[in-house]
Amino acid sequence: MPEFITVKGGLLTAHFSHRDPLETCLAFRRQYGELFGLEPIPYDEASDVMITLASQFGEQHEQEVISELAQEYGDGLCRIGGQESDAQMEEQYRLTLEAMEQGKPMIHSGFLKMSGRSAQWAAEVEQRFDLPAPVMLWGEPDLLRRVDQPNCGSRFGDYYYVVADVK
């Protein structure tokens, strides 16, 4: 069940309390699938329990990995953390870019959103397929890891970032 819903210019954004992407997708589809002409997913208590357990184990594992990285990187690990509201996500995005510009070796729970070429691509997809709502590309990677490479053409100079997922 979403905690709150935001409607901006015809774009429906449902904010769920789930941290796990699978849980969020299932919850959204159960709640709003009909609006988009999707077949309903029947509620199954056993699978719901398994998804919840898998999510809990995943969160525990991620925290263990982050603790190990904190020991390895010390102050080089920048922890930003997930946010709930749109305004907080903008702050999370700002903090992520700031950490990247500072050249932090490892960033945990940053926030990235489309711009430049991605925004142009999204606009072309929206127009080509006559979509009812804008295409939004954004995400909250588990980790952003700095890669040093001279003359790489990055906006940061001689380094860039790659997304890493904790599994």
Foldseek 3Di string as FASTA:
>chain_A
DFPDWDADPQDIDGFHPQPDPVVVVLVCCQVCVVVVPHDHDDDDVVVVVVVVVVSVVQVVQLVVVVVVVCVVQPVLEAEQDDDGDPVVLVVLQVVLVVNVLVPRQKYAFGKDWDDDPRQVVQVVVCVVVVDSDTDTDMDGARMWGKDAAAPPPDPSHRIDTDGDHRD
